[in-house]
N, C-alpha and C. Protein backbone atom coordinates (compact mmCIF):
# COMPACT_ATOMS: atom_id res chain seq x y z
N MET A 1 103.37 107.84 109.81
CA MET A 1 104.16 107.71 108.59
C MET A 1 103.50 106.66 107.72
N SER A 2 103.30 107.00 106.49
CA SER A 2 102.71 106.03 105.57
C SER A 2 103.80 105.15 104.97
N PRO A 3 103.49 103.90 104.70
CA PRO A 3 104.51 103.01 104.14
C PRO A 3 104.74 103.30 102.67
N SER A 4 105.55 104.31 102.39
CA SER A 4 105.82 104.69 101.02
C SER A 4 106.65 103.65 100.29
N PHE A 5 107.42 102.90 101.01
CA PHE A 5 108.31 101.92 100.40
C PHE A 5 108.42 100.75 101.35
N SER A 6 108.35 99.57 100.84
CA SER A 6 108.46 98.39 101.68
C SER A 6 109.27 97.35 100.93
N THR A 7 110.20 96.77 101.63
CA THR A 7 111.00 95.73 101.01
C THR A 7 111.39 94.69 102.05
N GLN A 8 111.50 93.47 101.64
CA GLN A 8 111.98 92.41 102.51
C GLN A 8 113.48 92.28 102.30
N SER A 9 114.23 92.40 103.36
CA SER A 9 115.67 92.22 103.29
C SER A 9 115.97 90.73 103.34
N PRO A 10 116.72 90.20 102.39
CA PRO A 10 116.91 88.75 102.31
C PRO A 10 117.61 88.14 103.51
N CYS A 11 118.53 88.87 104.13
CA CYS A 11 119.31 88.26 105.20
C CYS A 11 118.62 88.35 106.55
N SER A 12 117.82 89.38 106.79
CA SER A 12 117.30 89.56 108.13
C SER A 12 115.77 89.56 108.21
N GLU A 13 115.09 89.32 107.09
CA GLU A 13 113.63 89.30 107.08
C GLU A 13 113.06 90.60 107.66
N ALA A 14 113.69 91.73 107.39
CA ALA A 14 113.21 93.02 107.87
C ALA A 14 112.40 93.71 106.79
N THR A 15 111.44 94.50 107.22
CA THR A 15 110.67 95.33 106.31
C THR A 15 111.07 96.77 106.56
N ILE A 16 111.23 97.54 105.49
CA ILE A 16 111.68 98.92 105.62
C ILE A 16 110.58 99.85 105.12
N TYR A 17 110.25 100.84 105.94
CA TYR A 17 109.29 101.88 105.58
C TYR A 17 110.01 103.21 105.64
N TYR A 18 109.55 104.17 104.84
CA TYR A 18 110.14 105.49 104.96
C TYR A 18 109.09 106.56 104.73
N GLY A 19 109.38 107.73 105.25
CA GLY A 19 108.55 108.91 105.03
C GLY A 19 109.46 110.09 104.76
N LEU A 20 109.10 110.90 103.77
CA LEU A 20 109.88 112.09 103.42
C LEU A 20 108.94 113.28 103.43
N SER A 21 109.32 114.32 104.15
CA SER A 21 108.49 115.53 104.15
C SER A 21 109.39 116.75 104.06
N ALA A 22 108.86 117.78 103.43
CA ALA A 22 109.58 119.05 103.31
C ALA A 22 109.00 120.03 104.31
N GLN A 23 109.87 120.80 104.93
CA GLN A 23 109.42 121.72 105.97
C GLN A 23 108.41 122.73 105.43
N TYR A 24 108.54 123.14 104.18
CA TYR A 24 107.60 124.12 103.64
C TYR A 24 106.16 123.60 103.65
N GLN A 25 105.97 122.28 103.55
CA GLN A 25 104.63 121.71 103.59
C GLN A 25 103.99 121.95 104.96
N ASP A 26 104.77 121.78 106.02
CA ASP A 26 104.27 122.02 107.37
C ASP A 26 103.87 123.48 107.56
N GLN A 27 104.65 124.40 107.00
CA GLN A 27 104.34 125.82 107.13
C GLN A 27 103.04 126.17 106.41
N TYR A 28 102.83 125.62 105.22
CA TYR A 28 101.56 125.84 104.51
C TYR A 28 100.39 125.30 105.32
N GLU A 29 100.54 124.11 105.86
CA GLU A 29 99.46 123.50 106.64
C GLU A 29 99.13 124.36 107.86
N TYR A 30 100.13 124.89 108.52
CA TYR A 30 99.91 125.74 109.69
C TYR A 30 99.13 127.00 109.30
N LEU A 31 99.56 127.66 108.23
CA LEU A 31 98.87 128.88 107.80
C LEU A 31 97.43 128.59 107.38
N ARG A 32 97.22 127.46 106.71
CA ARG A 32 95.86 127.08 106.33
C ARG A 32 94.99 126.79 107.55
N SER A 33 95.58 126.19 108.57
CA SER A 33 94.82 125.85 109.77
C SER A 33 94.36 127.09 110.53
N MET A 34 95.05 128.22 110.33
CA MET A 34 94.66 129.46 111.00
C MET A 34 93.40 130.06 110.38
N LYS A 35 93.00 129.55 109.22
CA LYS A 35 91.79 129.95 108.50
C LYS A 35 91.80 131.42 108.08
N LYS A 36 92.91 132.10 108.25
CA LYS A 36 93.04 133.47 107.75
C LYS A 36 93.58 133.47 106.33
N TYR A 37 94.23 132.39 105.99
CA TYR A 37 94.90 132.32 104.70
C TYR A 37 94.31 131.20 103.86
N ASN A 38 94.01 131.49 102.63
CA ASN A 38 93.55 130.47 101.70
C ASN A 38 94.67 130.30 100.67
N LEU A 39 95.61 129.45 100.99
CA LEU A 39 96.81 129.30 100.17
C LEU A 39 96.77 128.05 99.34
N GLU A 40 97.23 128.17 98.12
CA GLU A 40 97.48 127.01 97.28
C GLU A 40 98.93 126.60 97.51
N MET A 41 99.15 125.37 97.90
CA MET A 41 100.53 124.93 98.10
C MET A 41 101.19 124.77 96.74
N GLN A 42 102.34 125.42 96.60
CA GLN A 42 103.09 125.33 95.35
C GLN A 42 104.47 124.77 95.64
N CYS A 43 105.00 124.06 94.69
CA CYS A 43 106.36 123.55 94.82
C CYS A 43 107.33 124.72 94.67
N PRO A 44 108.26 124.88 95.61
CA PRO A 44 109.26 125.94 95.46
C PRO A 44 110.08 125.72 94.19
N LYS A 45 110.38 126.82 93.51
CA LYS A 45 111.22 126.78 92.31
C LYS A 45 112.67 126.92 92.77
N LEU A 46 113.46 125.88 92.57
CA LEU A 46 114.84 125.88 93.04
C LEU A 46 115.78 126.43 91.98
N LYS A 47 116.85 127.06 92.47
CA LYS A 47 117.94 127.54 91.61
C LYS A 47 119.17 126.69 91.90
N ALA A 48 120.16 126.74 91.03
CA ALA A 48 121.36 125.91 91.15
C ALA A 48 122.09 126.14 92.47
N ASN A 49 122.06 127.37 93.00
CA ASN A 49 122.80 127.64 94.23
C ASN A 49 121.95 127.46 95.49
N ASP A 50 120.67 127.10 95.36
CA ASP A 50 119.87 126.77 96.54
C ASP A 50 120.40 125.47 97.14
N ARG A 51 120.06 125.25 98.41
CA ARG A 51 120.59 124.09 99.11
C ARG A 51 119.45 123.28 99.73
N LEU A 52 119.65 121.97 99.76
CA LEU A 52 118.72 121.05 100.42
C LEU A 52 119.41 120.53 101.67
N ASN A 53 118.71 120.57 102.79
CA ASN A 53 119.26 120.10 104.06
C ASN A 53 118.43 118.88 104.49
N PHE A 54 119.03 117.71 104.42
CA PHE A 54 118.35 116.46 104.77
C PHE A 54 118.60 116.12 106.24
N HIS A 55 117.52 115.94 106.99
CA HIS A 55 117.60 115.42 108.36
C HIS A 55 117.21 113.95 108.25
N VAL A 56 118.17 113.07 108.43
CA VAL A 56 117.97 111.64 108.23
C VAL A 56 117.92 110.94 109.58
N ASN A 57 116.89 110.13 109.77
CA ASN A 57 116.75 109.37 111.00
C ASN A 57 116.34 107.94 110.62
N VAL A 58 117.20 106.98 110.92
CA VAL A 58 116.90 105.56 110.67
C VAL A 58 116.74 104.89 112.03
N VAL A 59 115.59 104.26 112.24
CA VAL A 59 115.33 103.59 113.51
C VAL A 59 114.93 102.14 113.27
N SER A 60 115.22 101.32 114.26
CA SER A 60 114.83 99.92 114.24
C SER A 60 113.62 99.77 115.15
N HIS A 61 112.59 99.09 114.67
CA HIS A 61 111.38 98.87 115.44
C HIS A 61 111.19 97.36 115.60
N SER A 62 111.03 96.93 116.84
CA SER A 62 110.81 95.50 117.06
C SER A 62 109.92 95.30 118.28
N LEU A 63 109.31 94.13 118.33
CA LEU A 63 108.49 93.73 119.47
C LEU A 63 109.15 92.52 120.12
N ASP A 64 109.24 92.55 121.45
CA ASP A 64 109.79 91.37 122.11
C ASP A 64 108.66 90.38 122.41
N SER A 65 108.98 89.28 123.09
CA SER A 65 107.99 88.22 123.34
C SER A 65 106.84 88.69 124.23
N ASN A 66 107.03 89.79 124.96
CA ASN A 66 105.98 90.34 125.81
C ASN A 66 105.21 91.47 125.12
N SER A 67 105.36 91.59 123.81
CA SER A 67 104.71 92.63 123.00
C SER A 67 105.12 94.05 123.41
N VAL A 68 106.34 94.18 123.91
CA VAL A 68 106.88 95.49 124.25
C VAL A 68 107.64 96.01 123.03
N THR A 69 107.32 97.24 122.64
CA THR A 69 107.95 97.85 121.48
C THR A 69 109.32 98.40 121.84
N HIS A 70 110.29 98.15 120.97
CA HIS A 70 111.64 98.69 121.14
C HIS A 70 111.98 99.52 119.91
N LEU A 71 112.43 100.75 120.14
CA LEU A 71 112.92 101.62 119.07
C LEU A 71 114.38 101.93 119.35
N ASN A 72 115.22 101.66 118.39
CA ASN A 72 116.64 101.97 118.51
C ASN A 72 117.06 102.83 117.34
N THR A 73 117.78 103.90 117.62
CA THR A 73 118.29 104.75 116.55
C THR A 73 119.50 104.07 115.93
N LEU A 74 119.42 103.85 114.62
CA LEU A 74 120.52 103.22 113.89
C LEU A 74 121.40 104.26 113.21
N LEU A 75 120.80 105.35 112.79
CA LEU A 75 121.53 106.40 112.08
C LEU A 75 120.77 107.70 112.25
N HIS A 76 121.49 108.75 112.59
CA HIS A 76 120.88 110.08 112.70
C HIS A 76 121.91 111.09 112.23
N ASN A 77 121.61 111.78 111.14
CA ASN A 77 122.56 112.78 110.68
C ASN A 77 121.86 113.87 109.88
N TYR A 78 122.61 114.92 109.63
CA TYR A 78 122.17 116.05 108.82
C TYR A 78 123.15 116.19 107.67
N GLN A 79 122.63 116.27 106.48
CA GLN A 79 123.48 116.43 105.30
C GLN A 79 122.92 117.54 104.44
N GLU A 80 123.78 118.46 104.06
CA GLU A 80 123.38 119.57 103.20
C GLU A 80 124.03 119.40 101.84
N VAL A 81 123.27 119.73 100.79
CA VAL A 81 123.77 119.57 99.43
C VAL A 81 123.21 120.70 98.57
N SER A 82 124.03 121.18 97.64
CA SER A 82 123.53 122.19 96.70
C SER A 82 122.61 121.49 95.70
N CYS A 83 121.67 122.24 95.16
CA CYS A 83 120.77 121.67 94.15
C CYS A 83 121.57 121.20 92.94
N LYS A 84 122.60 121.96 92.61
CA LYS A 84 123.46 121.58 91.48
C LYS A 84 124.06 120.19 91.71
N ARG A 85 124.64 119.98 92.88
CA ARG A 85 125.26 118.68 93.18
C ARG A 85 124.20 117.58 93.27
N PHE A 86 123.06 117.91 93.85
CA PHE A 86 121.99 116.92 93.99
C PHE A 86 121.56 116.40 92.63
N ILE A 87 121.43 117.30 91.66
CA ILE A 87 121.03 116.89 90.31
C ILE A 87 122.14 116.09 89.64
N GLN A 88 123.38 116.52 89.83
CA GLN A 88 124.50 115.84 89.17
C GLN A 88 124.72 114.43 89.72
N GLU A 89 124.59 114.27 91.04
CA GLU A 89 124.92 112.99 91.67
C GLU A 89 123.71 112.12 91.98
N GLY A 90 122.54 112.72 92.17
CA GLY A 90 121.29 112.00 92.35
C GLY A 90 121.35 110.82 93.30
N GLU A 91 121.10 109.64 92.76
CA GLU A 91 121.04 108.42 93.57
C GLU A 91 122.35 108.15 94.31
N ASP A 92 123.48 108.45 93.69
CA ASP A 92 124.77 108.21 94.36
C ASP A 92 124.89 109.05 95.62
N TRP A 93 124.42 110.30 95.56
CA TRP A 93 124.49 111.15 96.75
C TRP A 93 123.57 110.60 97.84
N ILE A 94 122.38 110.16 97.46
CA ILE A 94 121.46 109.59 98.45
C ILE A 94 122.06 108.33 99.07
N HIS A 95 122.70 107.50 98.26
CA HIS A 95 123.40 106.31 98.80
C HIS A 95 124.38 106.74 99.88
N SER A 96 125.12 107.81 99.64
CA SER A 96 126.16 108.24 100.58
C SER A 96 125.59 108.68 101.92
N ILE A 97 124.39 109.26 101.94
CA ILE A 97 123.84 109.71 103.22
C ILE A 97 123.09 108.60 103.94
N LEU A 98 122.76 107.52 103.24
CA LEU A 98 122.02 106.42 103.85
C LEU A 98 122.90 105.24 104.20
N PHE A 99 124.20 105.44 104.20
CA PHE A 99 125.08 104.31 104.46
C PHE A 99 124.78 103.72 105.84
N TYR A 100 124.39 102.48 105.84
CA TYR A 100 124.18 101.71 107.06
C TYR A 100 124.55 100.28 106.71
N PRO A 101 125.49 99.68 107.45
CA PRO A 101 126.04 98.37 107.05
C PRO A 101 125.01 97.26 106.84
N ASN A 102 123.88 97.31 107.53
CA ASN A 102 122.89 96.23 107.41
C ASN A 102 121.95 96.39 106.22
N PHE A 103 122.03 97.50 105.49
CA PHE A 103 121.22 97.65 104.29
C PHE A 103 121.93 96.96 103.14
N SER A 104 121.22 96.10 102.45
CA SER A 104 121.81 95.47 101.27
C SER A 104 121.89 96.50 100.16
N SER A 105 122.73 96.24 99.17
CA SER A 105 122.85 97.18 98.05
C SER A 105 121.53 97.29 97.29
N LYS A 106 120.78 96.19 97.21
CA LYS A 106 119.48 96.21 96.54
C LYS A 106 118.50 97.10 97.31
N THR A 107 118.51 97.00 98.63
CA THR A 107 117.64 97.83 99.46
C THR A 107 118.00 99.30 99.30
N LEU A 108 119.30 99.61 99.37
CA LEU A 108 119.75 101.00 99.20
C LEU A 108 119.37 101.55 97.84
N GLU A 109 119.53 100.74 96.82
CA GLU A 109 119.20 101.18 95.46
C GLU A 109 117.71 101.51 95.34
N GLY A 110 116.87 100.64 95.89
CA GLY A 110 115.42 100.88 95.86
C GLY A 110 115.02 102.13 96.63
N LEU A 111 115.60 102.29 97.83
CA LEU A 111 115.32 103.48 98.63
C LEU A 111 115.76 104.74 97.90
N ALA A 112 116.97 104.73 97.37
CA ALA A 112 117.51 105.92 96.70
C ALA A 112 116.64 106.34 95.52
N LYS A 113 116.19 105.38 94.73
CA LYS A 113 115.33 105.70 93.58
C LYS A 113 114.01 106.33 94.03
N LYS A 114 113.39 105.74 95.05
CA LYS A 114 112.11 106.26 95.54
C LYS A 114 112.27 107.65 96.14
N ILE A 115 113.32 107.85 96.93
CA ILE A 115 113.54 109.14 97.57
C ILE A 115 113.84 110.21 96.53
N LEU A 116 114.68 109.89 95.56
CA LEU A 116 115.01 110.84 94.49
C LEU A 116 113.74 111.27 93.76
N HIS A 117 112.89 110.31 93.43
CA HIS A 117 111.63 110.61 92.75
C HIS A 117 110.76 111.54 93.59
N GLU A 118 110.67 111.28 94.89
CA GLU A 118 109.83 112.11 95.76
C GLU A 118 110.39 113.52 95.89
N VAL A 119 111.72 113.66 95.97
CA VAL A 119 112.31 115.00 96.05
C VAL A 119 111.98 115.78 94.79
N TYR A 120 112.06 115.13 93.63
CA TYR A 120 111.72 115.81 92.38
C TYR A 120 110.24 116.21 92.33
N GLU A 121 109.38 115.50 93.06
CA GLU A 121 107.97 115.88 93.11
C GLU A 121 107.72 117.01 94.11
N LEU A 122 108.55 117.12 95.14
CA LEU A 122 108.37 118.15 96.16
C LEU A 122 108.82 119.53 95.70
N PHE A 123 109.75 119.58 94.75
CA PHE A 123 110.34 120.84 94.31
C PHE A 123 110.30 120.95 92.79
N ASP A 124 110.34 122.20 92.32
CA ASP A 124 110.41 122.47 90.89
C ASP A 124 111.88 122.71 90.54
N PHE A 125 112.50 121.75 89.89
CA PHE A 125 113.91 121.82 89.54
C PHE A 125 114.15 122.40 88.14
N ASN A 126 113.09 122.85 87.45
CA ASN A 126 113.24 123.30 86.06
C ASN A 126 114.27 124.40 85.89
N GLN A 127 114.30 125.38 86.81
CA GLN A 127 115.28 126.47 86.70
C GLN A 127 116.70 125.95 86.87
N VAL A 128 116.87 124.92 87.69
CA VAL A 128 118.21 124.34 87.87
C VAL A 128 118.64 123.66 86.58
N PHE A 129 117.73 122.91 85.96
CA PHE A 129 118.05 122.23 84.70
C PHE A 129 118.36 123.24 83.60
N ASP A 130 117.63 124.38 83.61
CA ASP A 130 117.81 125.39 82.57
C ASP A 130 119.03 126.28 82.80
N SER A 131 119.57 126.30 84.02
CA SER A 131 120.69 127.20 84.32
C SER A 131 122.00 126.63 83.81
N ASP A 132 123.00 127.47 83.81
CA ASP A 132 124.34 127.05 83.39
C ASP A 132 125.04 126.45 84.61
N LEU A 133 124.95 125.13 84.77
CA LEU A 133 125.52 124.48 85.95
C LEU A 133 127.04 124.54 85.97
N GLY A 134 127.65 124.69 84.82
CA GLY A 134 129.10 124.63 84.74
C GLY A 134 129.81 125.78 85.42
N ASN A 135 129.32 127.01 85.25
CA ASN A 135 130.07 128.12 85.81
C ASN A 135 129.31 128.88 86.90
N GLY A 136 128.22 128.34 87.38
CA GLY A 136 127.52 128.94 88.51
C GLY A 136 126.85 130.27 88.20
N VAL A 137 126.54 130.52 86.95
CA VAL A 137 125.87 131.75 86.56
C VAL A 137 124.47 131.75 87.16
N GLY A 138 124.07 132.90 87.69
CA GLY A 138 122.71 133.00 88.21
C GLY A 138 122.65 133.89 89.43
N ASP A 139 121.50 133.92 90.04
CA ASP A 139 121.24 134.73 91.21
C ASP A 139 122.17 134.33 92.35
N CYS A 140 122.75 135.32 93.05
CA CYS A 140 123.68 134.99 94.13
C CYS A 140 122.96 134.69 95.44
N VAL A 141 121.68 135.03 95.54
CA VAL A 141 120.91 134.74 96.75
C VAL A 141 120.49 133.28 96.72
N SER A 142 120.82 132.57 97.79
CA SER A 142 120.43 131.16 97.83
C SER A 142 119.49 130.92 99.01
N HIS A 143 118.71 129.87 98.91
CA HIS A 143 117.76 129.51 99.96
C HIS A 143 118.07 128.09 100.42
N LEU A 144 117.74 127.83 101.67
CA LEU A 144 117.94 126.51 102.26
C LEU A 144 116.57 125.88 102.50
N PHE A 145 116.38 124.67 101.99
CA PHE A 145 115.13 123.94 102.15
C PHE A 145 115.41 122.67 102.95
N THR A 146 114.65 122.48 104.02
CA THR A 146 114.86 121.34 104.90
C THR A 146 113.90 120.21 104.56
N LEU A 147 114.45 119.00 104.50
CA LEU A 147 113.66 117.79 104.28
C LEU A 147 113.92 116.83 105.43
N HIS A 148 112.86 116.21 105.92
CA HIS A 148 112.97 115.23 107.00
C HIS A 148 112.72 113.85 106.41
N LEU A 149 113.70 112.99 106.56
CA LEU A 149 113.61 111.62 106.06
C LEU A 149 113.70 110.67 107.25
N ARG A 150 112.65 109.90 107.44
CA ARG A 150 112.63 108.92 108.54
C ARG A 150 112.45 107.54 107.92
N ILE A 151 113.35 106.65 108.28
CA ILE A 151 113.31 105.27 107.79
C ILE A 151 113.14 104.35 108.99
N VAL A 152 112.18 103.46 108.91
CA VAL A 152 111.93 102.50 109.99
C VAL A 152 112.23 101.11 109.46
N VAL A 153 113.12 100.42 110.17
CA VAL A 153 113.45 99.03 109.85
C VAL A 153 112.68 98.19 110.86
N GLU A 154 111.71 97.45 110.36
CA GLU A 154 110.84 96.66 111.24
C GLU A 154 111.24 95.20 111.18
N LYS A 155 111.48 94.63 112.34
CA LYS A 155 111.88 93.21 112.40
C LYS A 155 110.81 92.39 113.07
């Protein structure tokens, strides 16, 4: 996992790293590795009724005095949201899925902004913005897109 975001928490001197990946990226990489397919990875075009399924895993990483690594799961959940709701609520929705009492509001705000930005880069939301969000007009077929979010709190 690359350190996409790092912050010092004022109360606990912890550093937070996160990684966000979309399942479709893994599928493209697998097909490319077979060398039968020469695919250009494209961002999926989302519609208002498509859904995003977030797999969230927050772990604590620490070393004891004997240099033994300890990993503890702090939060593990799955949250599904419609693209319509995701666009309407944005950072507030991300705050709601990342609730962990030891995260300061400043830390949560920074994480939410970075994650929201990355989700917008992983997918093409233009059709959602262009659609009539108020009355749900549009294609009745919806798709589910899975995103894996792993956050490591290092002490």
